[in-house]
Amino acid sequence: MTPEQRLDLQRRRRQKNWAVLGVLIALVALFFAISTARVLRG
C-alpha cells in the first residue's frame, strides 16, 4: 500500500467516524426530546 493510499484510507475512515458520531448525537437528542415531552405532558 502506497503512502497516498494509506492517507486516503485514513481520511475516509475519519469521515465515516464523524458521520457515525453525528448519527449517535442525533439519536441521543431525539430520545432526550421524546423523554422530555412525555415527562412534561404528564
Protein backbone atom coordinates (compact mmCIF):
# COMPACT_ATOMS: atom_id res chain seq x y z
CA MET A 1 0.00 0.00 0.00
CA THR A 2 1.43 3.33 -1.00
CA PRO A 3 1.55 6.27 1.41
CA GLU A 4 -1.06 8.08 -0.70
CA GLN A 5 -3.45 5.13 -0.44
CA ARG A 6 -2.86 4.90 3.30
CA LEU A 7 -3.63 8.61 3.76
CA ASP A 8 -6.77 8.27 1.65
CA LEU A 9 -7.91 5.29 3.71
CA GLN A 10 -7.32 7.18 6.96
CA ARG A 11 -9.20 10.21 5.62
CA ARG A 12 -12.21 8.11 4.60
CA ARG A 13 -12.19 6.28 7.95
CA ARG A 14 -12.11 9.61 9.80
CA GLN A 15 -15.05 10.92 7.75
CA LYS A 16 -17.00 7.73 8.47
CA ASN A 17 -16.28 8.07 12.19
CA TRP A 18 -17.55 11.67 12.19
CA ALA A 19 -20.71 10.56 10.36
CA VAL A 20 -21.36 7.83 12.95
CA LEU A 21 -20.80 10.35 15.74
CA GLY A 22 -23.33 12.70 14.13
CA VAL A 23 -25.93 9.95 13.90
CA LEU A 24 -25.38 8.97 17.54
CA ILE A 25 -25.72 12.58 18.71
CA ALA A 26 -28.91 12.95 16.68
CA LEU A 27 -30.37 9.80 18.27
CA VAL A 28 -29.47 10.97 21.77
CA ALA A 29 -31.10 14.35 21.07
CA LEU A 30 -34.20 12.62 19.69
CA PHE A 31 -34.56 10.33 22.72
CA PHE A 32 -34.00 13.29 25.05
CA ALA A 33 -36.68 15.31 23.29
CA ILE A 34 -39.17 12.43 23.39
CA SER A 35 -38.47 11.77 27.07
CA THR A 36 -38.80 15.45 27.95
CA ALA A 37 -42.08 15.73 26.06
CA ARG A 38 -43.50 12.67 27.82
CA VAL A 39 -42.50 13.98 31.25
CA LEU A 40 -43.91 17.45 30.60
CA ARG A 41 -47.15 16.03 29.22
CA GLY A 42 -47.71 14.09 32.39
